[in-house]
């Protein structure tokens, strides 16, 4: 949630909710927009909860040590749950067949960024990616870009800017900004995230901390 959204909501999204077991002090703004409600009987939540509780087994893309408390609470309602994540890390163990090409994202990956990373020293590159669902305003995009450009360390950076990153507009950077970052940056529309994160030249990952 950005500051504009906070002001429009008049502080309502700071409301603490108490209906999620083992997750104290969760606020409305911490939840996805589709379930921001203080009413547990709200249709979508009620439909989701009732149908989930009817399941004989539930599989989660997580692991017990990461979310032990909430998983324990779920097991009181649905005893047969299995944690098999993180699925993204399992992809590296797939055999070299058609399954190897399976991806969790539908965005076309730009593998040229891996060659670009090869040109830099270990732990010297900032990798910026707000994944597949986060959106920003055009002004926020420029502010972030100038923050990277004006970094005192002048570290090179790889920045993934999806075509739909800017809400209601086309994601674009000004020419003076592009001139400023020329020679120490690469802008990609998408990239093979696991390969980038495991590349030795990447030292910092700037993201919204999404799970995948």
Foldseek 3Di string as FASTA:
>chain_A
DDPVVCVVVVNQQCDWEDPQFPDGSDGLVNDPPVPSDNDCVPPVNVVVVVVVLVDQEEEAAADCVVPVRSVVVVCVRHVHYYYDHVPVVCLVVDDPDPSNPDDPDPDDADAVVVVVLVVADFQQEEEEDADDPAADAQVVLAVVLVCQLPDPVLGAYEYADAQCRHPPDGHDYDPVSCVSNPPRYHYHNHHDVVSVVPDRRHNHYHYPPDDD
